[in-house]
Amino acid sequence: AGGRKRKITLLFSDIRDFTALSETMPPDRLVSFINEYLDPMSEI
């Protein structure tokens, strides 16, 4: 438990214009789409 200070390298990634994109998809397709994207990115 507790924190420690470390020198690390951080990565942030984000889909551009995702809000506009999400408005064009029905909810079930949106969830499927995000999972299709996040799963391989996580594995990498």
All heavy atoms as atom14 arrays in JSON, in Angstrom:
{
  "sequence": "AGGRKRKITLLFSDIRDFTALSETMPPDRLVSFINEYLDPMSEI",
  "atom14_mask": [
    [1, 1, 1, 1, 1, 0, 0, 0, 0, 0, 0, 0, 0, 0],
    [1, 1, 1, 1, 0, 0, 0, 0, 0, 0, 0, 0, 0, 0],
    [1, 1, 1, 1, 0, 0, 0, 0, 0, 0, 0, 0, 0, 0],
    [1, 1, 1, 1, 1, 1, 1, 1, 1, 1, 1, 0, 0, 0],
    [1, 1, 1, 1, 1, 1, 1, 1, 1, 0, 0, 0, 0, 0],
    [1, 1, 1, 1, 1, 1, 1, 1, 1, 1, 1, 0, 0, 0],
    [1, 1, 1, 1, 1, 1, 1, 1, 1, 0, 0, 0, 0, 0],
    [1, 1, 1, 1, 1, 1, 1, 1, 0, 0, 0, 0, 0, 0],
    [1, 1, 1, 1, 1, 1, 1, 0, 0, 0, 0, 0, 0, 0],
    [1, 1, 1, 1, 1, 1, 1, 1, 0, 0, 0, 0, 0, 0],
    [1, 1, 1, 1, 1, 1, 1, 1, 0, 0, 0, 0, 0, 0],
    [1, 1, 1, 1, 1, 1, 1, 1, 1, 1, 1, 0, 0, 0],
    [1, 1, 1, 1, 1, 1, 0, 0, 0, 0, 0, 0, 0, 0],
    [1, 1, 1, 1, 1, 1, 1, 1, 0, 0, 0, 0, 0, 0],
    [1, 1, 1, 1, 1, 1, 1, 1, 0, 0, 0, 0, 0, 0],
    [1, 1, 1, 1, 1, 1, 1, 1, 1, 1, 1, 0, 0, 0],
    [1, 1, 1, 1, 1, 1, 1, 1, 0, 0, 0, 0, 0, 0],
    [1, 1, 1, 1, 1, 1, 1, 1, 1, 1, 1, 0, 0, 0],
    [1, 1, 1, 1, 1, 1, 1, 0, 0, 0, 0, 0, 0, 0],
    [1, 1, 1, 1, 1, 0, 0, 0, 0, 0, 0, 0, 0, 0],
    [1, 1, 1, 1, 1, 1, 1, 1, 0, 0, 0, 0, 0, 0],
    [1, 1, 1, 1, 1, 1, 0, 0, 0, 0, 0, 0, 0, 0],
    [1, 1, 1, 1, 1, 1, 1, 1, 1, 0, 0, 0, 0, 0],
    [1, 1, 1, 1, 1, 1, 1, 0, 0, 0, 0, 0, 0, 0],
    [1, 1, 1, 1, 1, 1, 1, 1, 0, 0, 0, 0, 0, 0],
    [1, 1, 1, 1, 1, 1, 1, 0, 0, 0, 0, 0, 0, 0],
    [1, 1, 1, 1, 1, 1, 1, 0, 0, 0, 0, 0, 0, 0],
    [1, 1, 1, 1, 1, 1, 1, 1, 0, 0, 0, 0, 0, 0],
    [1, 1, 1, 1, 1, 1, 1, 1, 1, 1, 1, 0, 0, 0],
    [1, 1, 1, 1, 1, 1, 1, 1, 0, 0, 0, 0, 0, 0],
    [1, 1, 1, 1, 1, 1, 1, 0, 0, 0, 0, 0, 0, 0],
    [1, 1, 1, 1, 1, 1, 0, 0, 0, 0, 0, 0, 0, 0],
    [1, 1, 1, 1, 1, 1, 1, 1, 1, 1, 1, 0, 0, 0],
    [1, 1, 1, 1, 1, 1, 1, 1, 0, 0, 0, 0, 0, 0],
    [1, 1, 1, 1, 1, 1, 1, 1, 0, 0, 0, 0, 0, 0],
    [1, 1, 1, 1, 1, 1, 1, 1, 1, 0, 0, 0, 0, 0],
    [1, 1, 1, 1, 1, 1, 1, 1, 1, 1, 1, 1, 0, 0],
    [1, 1, 1, 1, 1, 1, 1, 1, 0, 0, 0, 0, 0, 0],
    [1, 1, 1, 1, 1, 1, 1, 1, 0, 0, 0, 0, 0, 0],
    [1, 1, 1, 1, 1, 1, 1, 0, 0, 0, 0, 0, 0, 0],
    [1, 1, 1, 1, 1, 1, 1, 1, 0, 0, 0, 0, 0, 0],
    [1, 1, 1, 1, 1, 1, 0, 0, 0, 0, 0, 0, 0, 0],
    [1, 1, 1, 1, 1, 1, 1, 1, 1, 0, 0, 0, 0, 0],
    [1, 1, 1, 1, 1, 1, 1, 1, 0, 0, 0, 0, 0, 0]
  ],
  "atom14_positions": [
    [[0.83, -1.2, 0.0], [0.0, 0.0, 0.0], [0.87, 1.25, 0.0], [2.02, 1.23, 0.42], [-0.92, -0.01, 1.21], [0.0, 0.0, 0.0], [0.0, 0.0, 0.0], [0.0, 0.0, 0.0], [0.0, 0.0, 0.0], [0.0, 0.0, 0.0], [0.0, 0.0, 0.0], [0.0, 0.0, 0.0], [0.0, 0.0, 0.0], [0.0, 0.0, 0.0]],
    [[0.29, 2.35, -0.44], [1.01, 3.61, -0.45], [1.59, 3.9, -1.82], [1.57, 3.07, -2.72], [0.0, 0.0, 0.0], [0.0, 0.0, 0.0], [0.0, 0.0, 0.0], [0.0, 0.0, 0.0], [0.0, 0.0, 0.0], [0.0, 0.0, 0.0], [0.0, 0.0, 0.0], [0.0, 0.0, 0.0], [0.0, 0.0, 0.0], [0.0, 0.0, 0.0]],
    [[2.12, 5.1, -1.99], [2.67, 5.5, -3.28], [4.17, 5.62, -3.24], [4.79, 5.64, -2.17], [0.0, 0.0, 0.0], [0.0, 0.0, 0.0], [0.0, 0.0, 0.0], [0.0, 0.0, 0.0], [0.0, 0.0, 0.0], [0.0, 0.0, 0.0], [0.0, 0.0, 0.0], [0.0, 0.0, 0.0], [0.0, 0.0, 0.0], [0.0, 0.0, 0.0]],
    [[4.75, 5.67, -4.41], [6.19, 5.88, -4.53], [6.44, 6.72, -5.77], [5.68, 6.66, -6.73], [6.93, 4.54, -4.6], [6.62, 3.73, -5.85], [7.25, 2.36, -5.78], [6.57, 1.52, -4.83], [6.95, 0.29, -4.52], [8.03, -0.22, -5.09], [6.27, -0.43, -3.66], [0.0, 0.0, 0.0], [0.0, 0.0, 0.0], [0.0, 0.0, 0.0]],
    [[7.52, 7.49, -5.74], [7.84, 8.34, -6.88], [8.73, 7.54, -7.84], [9.71, 6.95, -7.43], [8.54, 9.62, -6.42], [8.81, 10.59, -7.56], [9.28, 11.95, -7.03], [8.1, 12.75, -6.49], [8.48, 14.15, -6.19], [0.0, 0.0, 0.0], [0.0, 0.0, 0.0], [0.0, 0.0, 0.0], [0.0, 0.0, 0.0], [0.0, 0.0, 0.0]],
    [[8.34, 7.55, -9.1], [9.07, 6.81, -10.11], [9.22, 7.63, -11.38], [8.33, 8.42, -11.72], [8.33, 5.52, -10.48], [8.43, 4.38, -9.49], [9.7, 3.57, -9.71], [9.72, 2.41, -8.87], [9.16, 1.25, -9.17], [8.5, 1.11, -10.3], [9.26, 0.23, -8.34], [0.0, 0.0, 0.0], [0.0, 0.0, 0.0], [0.0, 0.0, 0.0]],
    [[10.3, 7.42, -12.1], [10.44, 7.98, -13.43], [9.75, 7.02, -14.39], [10.16, 5.86, -14.51], [11.9, 8.15, -13.81], [12.1, 8.81, -15.18], [13.58, 9.0, -15.49], [13.77, 9.66, -16.84], [15.21, 9.84, -17.17], [0.0, 0.0, 0.0], [0.0, 0.0, 0.0], [0.0, 0.0, 0.0], [0.0, 0.0, 0.0], [0.0, 0.0, 0.0]],
    [[8.7, 7.48, -15.04], [7.92, 6.62, -15.93], [7.68, 7.33, -17.25], [7.92, 8.54, -17.37], [6.57, 6.22, -15.29], [5.71, 7.47, -15.04], [6.77, 5.44, -14.0], [4.31, 7.16, -14.51], [0.0, 0.0, 0.0], [0.0, 0.0, 0.0], [0.0, 0.0, 0.0], [0.0, 0.0, 0.0], [0.0, 0.0, 0.0], [0.0, 0.0, 0.0]],
    [[7.23, 6.58, -18.22], [6.79, 7.17, -19.49], [5.3, 6.93, -19.63], [4.83, 5.79, -19.52], [7.54, 6.56, -20.68], [8.93, 6.87, -20.57], [7.02, 7.13, -21.99], [0.0, 0.0, 0.0], [0.0, 0.0, 0.0], [0.0, 0.0, 0.0], [0.0, 0.0, 0.0], [0.0, 0.0, 0.0], [0.0, 0.0, 0.0], [0.0, 0.0, 0.0]],
    [[4.56, 8.0, -19.86], [3.11, 7.94, -19.94], [2.63, 8.12, -21.37], [3.22, 8.87, -22.15], [2.48, 9.04, -19.08], [2.78, 8.92, -17.57], [3.51, 10.16, -17.1], [1.5, 8.71, -16.8], [0.0, 0.0, 0.0], [0.0, 0.0, 0.0], [0.0, 0.0, 0.0], [0.0, 0.0, 0.0], [0.0, 0.0, 0.0], [0.0, 0.0, 0.0]],
    [[1.56, 7.42, -21.69], [0.94, 7.5, -23.02], [-0.55, 7.76, -22.87], [-1.23, 7.08, -22.1], [1.17, 6.2, -23.79], [0.56, 6.06, -25.19], [1.41, 5.12, -26.04], [-0.89, 5.55, -25.15], [0.0, 0.0, 0.0], [0.0, 0.0, 0.0], [0.0, 0.0, 0.0], [0.0, 0.0, 0.0], [0.0, 0.0, 0.0], [0.0, 0.0, 0.0]],
    [[-1.02, 8.76, -23.59], [-2.46, 9.03, -23.7], [-2.84, 8.94, -25.17], [-2.16, 9.49, -26.04], [-2.81, 10.43, -23.19], [-2.94, 10.54, -21.71], [-1.82, 10.7, -20.9], [-4.19, 10.5, -21.1], [-1.94, 10.8, -19.52], [-4.32, 10.6, -19.72], [-3.19, 10.75, -18.93], [0.0, 0.0, 0.0], [0.0, 0.0, 0.0], [0.0, 0.0, 0.0]],
    [[-3.93, 8.24, -25.46], [-4.46, 8.22, -26.82], [-5.95, 8.53, -26.77], [-6.63, 8.22, -25.8], [-4.23, 6.86, -27.49], [-5.1, 5.88, -26.97], [0.0, 0.0, 0.0], [0.0, 0.0, 0.0], [0.0, 0.0, 0.0], [0.0, 0.0, 0.0], [0.0, 0.0, 0.0], [0.0, 0.0, 0.0], [0.0, 0.0, 0.0], [0.0, 0.0, 0.0]],
    [[-6.44, 9.16, -27.85], [-7.83, 9.59, -27.87], [-8.34, 9.6, -29.3], [-7.61, 9.98, -30.22], [-7.92, 11.01, -27.26], [-9.36, 11.41, -26.94], [-10.13, 10.54, -26.53], [-9.69, 12.59, -27.13], [0.0, 0.0, 0.0], [0.0, 0.0, 0.0], [0.0, 0.0, 0.0], [0.0, 0.0, 0.0], [0.0, 0.0, 0.0], [0.0, 0.0, 0.0]],
    [[-9.58, 9.17, -29.49], [-10.21, 9.22, -30.82], [-10.67, 10.64, -31.09], [-11.36, 11.25, -30.26], [-11.4, 8.25, -30.91], [-10.93, 6.81, -30.7], [-12.11, 8.38, -32.26], [-12.06, 5.79, -30.69], [0.0, 0.0, 0.0], [0.0, 0.0, 0.0], [0.0, 0.0, 0.0], [0.0, 0.0, 0.0], [0.0, 0.0, 0.0], [0.0, 0.0, 0.0]],
    [[-10.31, 11.16, -32.24], [-10.71, 12.53, -32.58], [-12.18, 12.59, -32.98], [-12.67, 11.7, -33.68], [-9.84, 13.05, -33.73], [-8.39, 13.25, -33.31], [-7.6, 13.95, -34.36], [-6.19, 14.01, -33.98], [-5.17, 13.83, -34.82], [-5.41, 13.55, -36.07], [-3.93, 13.92, -34.38], [0.0, 0.0, 0.0], [0.0, 0.0, 0.0], [0.0, 0.0, 0.0]],
    [[-12.83, 13.65, -32.53], [-14.24, 13.9, -32.86], [-15.13, 12.72, -32.49], [-16.08, 12.38, -33.21], [-14.39, 14.21, -34.36], [-13.58, 15.43, -34.79], [-13.59, 16.42, -34.05], [-12.94, 15.37, -35.84], [0.0, 0.0, 0.0], [0.0, 0.0, 0.0], [0.0, 0.0, 0.0], [0.0, 0.0, 0.0], [0.0, 0.0, 0.0], [0.0, 0.0, 0.0]],
    [[-14.83, 12.1, -31.37], [-15.58, 10.91, -30.98], [-17.03, 11.25, -30.63], [-17.95, 10.47, -30.91], [-14.92, 10.22, -29.78], [-15.7, 9.03, -29.29], [-15.74, 7.87, -30.04], [-16.39, 9.08, -28.09], [-16.46, 6.77, -29.6], [-17.11, 7.99, -27.65], [-17.14, 6.83, -28.41], [0.0, 0.0, 0.0], [0.0, 0.0, 0.0], [0.0, 0.0, 0.0]],
    [[-17.26, 12.41, -30.03], [-18.62, 12.79, -29.66], [-19.52, 12.85, -30.89], [-20.64, 12.31, -30.91], [-18.63, 14.15, -28.94], [-17.83, 14.06, -27.76], [-20.05, 14.54, -28.55], [0.0, 0.0, 0.0], [0.0, 0.0, 0.0], [0.0, 0.0, 0.0], [0.0, 0.0, 0.0], [0.0, 0.0, 0.0], [0.0, 0.0, 0.0], [0.0, 0.0, 0.0]],
    [[-19.04, 13.49, -31.95], [-19.82, 13.58, -33.19], [-20.02, 12.19, -33.79], [-21.11, 11.87, -34.3], [-19.12, 14.49, -34.19], [0.0, 0.0, 0.0], [0.0, 0.0, 0.0], [0.0, 0.0, 0.0], [0.0, 0.0, 0.0], [0.0, 0.0, 0.0], [0.0, 0.0, 0.0], [0.0, 0.0, 0.0], [0.0, 0.0, 0.0], [0.0, 0.0, 0.0]],
    [[-18.98, 11.38, -33.73], [-19.07, 10.03, -34.28], [-20.1, 9.2, -33.51], [-20.89, 8.46, -34.12], [-17.7, 9.35, -34.2], [-17.62, 7.89, -34.67], [-17.87, 7.8, -36.16], [-16.27, 7.29, -34.3], [0.0, 0.0, 0.0], [0.0, 0.0, 0.0], [0.0, 0.0, 0.0], [0.0, 0.0, 0.0], [0.0, 0.0, 0.0], [0.0, 0.0, 0.0]],
    [[-20.1, 9.32, -32.19], [-21.0, 8.52, -31.37], [-22.47, 8.85, -31.63], [-23.35, 8.01, -31.47], [-20.68, 8.72, -29.88], [-20.93, 10.06, -29.49], [0.0, 0.0, 0.0], [0.0, 0.0, 0.0], [0.0, 0.0, 0.0], [0.0, 0.0, 0.0], [0.0, 0.0, 0.0], [0.0, 0.0, 0.0], [0.0, 0.0, 0.0], [0.0, 0.0, 0.0]],
    [[-22.73, 10.09, -32.04], [-24.11, 10.5, -32.3], [-24.68, 9.88, -33.57], [-25.89, 9.91, -33.8], [-24.2, 12.02, -32.37], [-23.94, 12.69, -31.01], [-23.89, 14.2, -31.12], [-23.88, 14.71, -32.27], [-23.84, 14.88, -30.08], [0.0, 0.0, 0.0], [0.0, 0.0, 0.0], [0.0, 0.0, 0.0], [0.0, 0.0, 0.0], [0.0, 0.0, 0.0]],
    [[-23.81, 9.32, -34.41], [-24.26, 8.71, -35.66], [-24.52, 7.21, -35.51], [-24.97, 6.58, -36.47], [-23.22, 8.91, -36.77], [-22.02, 8.17, -36.45], [-22.88, 10.39, -36.92], [0.0, 0.0, 0.0], [0.0, 0.0, 0.0], [0.0, 0.0, 0.0], [0.0, 0.0, 0.0], [0.0, 0.0, 0.0], [0.0, 0.0, 0.0], [0.0, 0.0, 0.0]],
    [[-24.23, 6.65, -34.33], [-24.36, 5.21, -34.13], [-25.44, 4.87, -33.11], [-25.57, 5.58, -32.11], [-23.04, 4.61, -33.63], [-21.88, 4.68, -34.58], [-20.44, 3.83, -33.87], [-19.22, 4.16, -35.13], [0.0, 0.0, 0.0], [0.0, 0.0, 0.0], [0.0, 0.0, 0.0], [0.0, 0.0, 0.0], [0.0, 0.0, 0.0], [0.0, 0.0, 0.0]],
    [[-26.18, 3.8, -33.32], [-27.09, 3.33, -32.27], [-26.26, 2.8, -31.1], [-25.1, 2.42, -31.27], [-27.87, 2.2, -32.96], [-27.02, 1.77, -34.1], [-26.27, 2.99, -34.54], [0.0, 0.0, 0.0], [0.0, 0.0, 0.0], [0.0, 0.0, 0.0], [0.0, 0.0, 0.0], [0.0, 0.0, 0.0], [0.0, 0.0, 0.0], [0.0, 0.0, 0.0]],
    [[-26.82, 2.77, -29.89], [-26.06, 2.39, -28.7], [-25.34, 1.06, -28.8], [-24.17, 0.95, -28.4], [-27.13, 2.37, -27.6], [-28.17, 3.32, -28.06], [-28.2, 3.18, -29.56], [0.0, 0.0, 0.0], [0.0, 0.0, 0.0], [0.0, 0.0, 0.0], [0.0, 0.0, 0.0], [0.0, 0.0, 0.0], [0.0, 0.0, 0.0], [0.0, 0.0, 0.0]],
    [[-26.01, 0.03, -29.34], [-25.37, -1.28, -29.39], [-24.19, -1.28, -30.35], [-23.15, -1.9, -30.07], [-26.37, -2.37, -29.79], [-27.06, -2.08, -31.11], [-27.06, -0.9, -31.54], [-27.59, -3.03, -31.71], [0.0, 0.0, 0.0], [0.0, 0.0, 0.0], [0.0, 0.0, 0.0], [0.0, 0.0, 0.0], [0.0, 0.0, 0.0], [0.0, 0.0, 0.0]],
    [[-24.3, -0.58, -31.46], [-23.18, -0.5, -32.4], [-22.04, 0.32, -31.82], [-20.87, 0.0, -32.04], [-23.66, 0.12, -33.72], [-22.55, 0.38, -34.75], [-21.76, -0.87, -35.06], [-20.58, -0.59, -35.86], [-19.42, -1.23, -35.74], [-19.29, -2.19, -34.84], [-18.39, -0.94, -36.52], [0.0, 0.0, 0.0], [0.0, 0.0, 0.0], [0.0, 0.0, 0.0]],
    [[-22.37, 1.36, -31.07], [-21.34, 2.2, -30.47], [-20.5, 1.39, -29.49], [-19.26, 1.46, -29.51], [-21.98, 3.4, -29.75], [-21.03, 4.34, -29.03], [-20.05, 4.97, -30.0], [-21.81, 5.41, -28.26], [0.0, 0.0, 0.0], [0.0, 0.0, 0.0], [0.0, 0.0, 0.0], [0.0, 0.0, 0.0], [0.0, 0.0, 0.0], [0.0, 0.0, 0.0]],
    [[-21.15, 0.61, -28.63], [-20.42, -0.21, -27.66], [-19.56, -1.24, -28.37], [-18.4, -1.47, -28.03], [-21.4, -0.9, -26.69], [-20.67, -1.91, -25.82], [-22.09, 0.14, -25.82], [0.0, 0.0, 0.0], [0.0, 0.0, 0.0], [0.0, 0.0, 0.0], [0.0, 0.0, 0.0], [0.0, 0.0, 0.0], [0.0, 0.0, 0.0], [0.0, 0.0, 0.0]],
    [[-20.12, -1.88, -29.4], [-19.36, -2.86, -30.17], [-18.15, -2.23, -30.84], [-17.05, -2.79, -30.85], [-20.28, -3.5, -31.22], [-19.55, -4.36, -32.06], [0.0, 0.0, 0.0], [0.0, 0.0, 0.0], [0.0, 0.0, 0.0], [0.0, 0.0, 0.0], [0.0, 0.0, 0.0], [0.0, 0.0, 0.0], [0.0, 0.0, 0.0], [0.0, 0.0, 0.0]],
    [[-18.35, -1.03, -31.38], [-17.26, -0.32, -32.06], [-16.13, 0.01, -31.09], [-14.95, -0.22, -31.39], [-17.82, 0.96, -32.69], [-16.78, 1.93, -33.15], [-16.1, 1.73, -34.33], [-16.47, 3.05, -32.37], [-15.12, 2.63, -34.75], [-15.5, 3.95, -32.79], [-14.83, 3.73, -33.98], [0.0, 0.0, 0.0], [0.0, 0.0, 0.0], [0.0, 0.0, 0.0]],
    [[-16.48, 0.54, -29.92], [-15.46, 0.9, -28.94], [-14.69, -0.34, -28.48], [-13.47, -0.31, -28.31], [-16.11, 1.62, -27.73], [-16.48, 3.04, -28.13], [-15.17, 1.66, -26.54], [-15.28, 3.91, -28.45], [0.0, 0.0, 0.0], [0.0, 0.0, 0.0], [0.0, 0.0, 0.0], [0.0, 0.0, 0.0], [0.0, 0.0, 0.0], [0.0, 0.0, 0.0]],
    [[-15.42, -1.43, -28.26], [-14.75, -2.67, -27.84], [-13.8, -3.18, -28.91], [-12.7, -3.66, -28.61], [-15.77, -3.73, -27.49], [-16.52, -3.43, -26.21], [-16.08, -2.62, -25.4], [-17.67, -4.06, -26.02], [0.0, 0.0, 0.0], [0.0, 0.0, 0.0], [0.0, 0.0, 0.0], [0.0, 0.0, 0.0], [0.0, 0.0, 0.0], [0.0, 0.0, 0.0]],
    [[-14.22, -3.09, -30.18], [-13.37, -3.51, -31.29], [-12.09, -2.69, -31.34], [-11.04, -3.2, -31.75], [-14.12, -3.37, -32.61], [-15.2, -4.41, -32.86], [-15.92, -4.16, -34.17], [-15.26, -3.74, -35.13], [-17.15, -4.36, -34.21], [0.0, 0.0, 0.0], [0.0, 0.0, 0.0], [0.0, 0.0, 0.0], [0.0, 0.0, 0.0], [0.0, 0.0, 0.0]],
    [[-12.18, -1.43, -30.95], [-11.02, -0.55, -30.96], [-10.15, -0.75, -29.72], [-8.93, -0.9, -29.82], [-11.48, 0.91, -31.05], [-10.4, 1.92, -30.76], [-9.42, 2.2, -31.7], [-10.35, 2.58, -29.53], [-8.41, 3.12, -31.43], [-9.36, 3.5, -29.25], [-8.37, 3.77, -30.2], [-7.38, 4.66, -29.92], [0.0, 0.0, 0.0], [0.0, 0.0, 0.0]],
    [[-10.76, -0.76, -28.54], [-9.99, -0.79, -27.3], [-9.31, -2.14, -27.06], [-8.22, -2.19, -26.47], [-10.89, -0.46, -26.11], [-11.38, 0.98, -26.01], [-12.3, 1.14, -24.8], [-10.2, 1.95, -25.9], [0.0, 0.0, 0.0], [0.0, 0.0, 0.0], [0.0, 0.0, 0.0], [0.0, 0.0, 0.0], [0.0, 0.0, 0.0], [0.0, 0.0, 0.0]],
    [[-9.92, -3.23, -27.51], [-9.34, -4.55, -27.23], [-7.95, -4.7, -27.84], [-7.0, -5.03, -27.12], [-10.28, -5.65, -27.73], [-9.77, -7.03, -27.36], [-9.67, -7.33, -26.16], [-9.46, -7.83, -28.27], [0.0, 0.0, 0.0], [0.0, 0.0, 0.0], [0.0, 0.0, 0.0], [0.0, 0.0, 0.0], [0.0, 0.0, 0.0], [0.0, 0.0, 0.0]],
    [[-7.74, -4.47, -29.14], [-6.39, -4.61, -29.68], [-5.42, -3.56, -29.16], [-4.23, -3.84, -28.99], [-6.59, -4.48, -31.19], [-7.87, -3.75, -31.36], [-8.73, -4.16, -30.21], [0.0, 0.0, 0.0], [0.0, 0.0, 0.0], [0.0, 0.0, 0.0], [0.0, 0.0, 0.0], [0.0, 0.0, 0.0], [0.0, 0.0, 0.0], [0.0, 0.0, 0.0]],
    [[-5.91, -2.35, -28.88], [-5.02, -1.31, -28.35], [-4.51, -1.7, -26.96], [-3.34, -1.47, -26.62], [-5.74, 0.04, -28.3], [-6.21, 0.54, -29.65], [-4.88, 0.61, -30.88], [-5.81, 0.79, -32.4], [0.0, 0.0, 0.0], [0.0, 0.0, 0.0], [0.0, 0.0, 0.0], [0.0, 0.0, 0.0], [0.0, 0.0, 0.0], [0.0, 0.0, 0.0]],
    [[-5.38, -2.3, -26.17], [-4.98, -2.76, -24.84], [-3.93, -3.85, -24.93], [-2.94, -3.87, -24.18], [-6.19, -3.28, -24.06], [-7.18, -2.28, -23.94], [0.0, 0.0, 0.0], [0.0, 0.0, 0.0], [0.0, 0.0, 0.0], [0.0, 0.0, 0.0], [0.0, 0.0, 0.0], [0.0, 0.0, 0.0], [0.0, 0.0, 0.0], [0.0, 0.0, 0.0]],
    [[-4.14, -4.78, -25.87], [-3.19, -5.88, -26.04], [-1.82, -5.37, -26.45], [-0.79, -5.89, -26.01], [-3.72, -6.87, -27.09], [-4.88, -7.72, -26.61], [-4.51, -8.56, -25.41], [-3.45, -9.22, -25.44], [-5.27, -8.53, -24.42], [0.0, 0.0, 0.0], [0.0, 0.0, 0.0], [0.0, 0.0, 0.0], [0.0, 0.0, 0.0], [0.0, 0.0, 0.0]],
    [[-1.79, -4.35, -27.28], [-0.52, -3.76, -27.7], [0.23, -3.19, -26.5], [1.43, -3.39, -26.34], [-0.75, -2.68, -28.78], [-1.18, -3.34, -30.1], [0.51, -1.84, -28.99], [-1.65, -2.37, -31.16], [0.0, 0.0, 0.0], [0.0, 0.0, 0.0], [0.0, 0.0, 0.0], [0.0, 0.0, 0.0], [0.0, 0.0, 0.0], [0.0, 0.0, 0.0]]
  ]
}
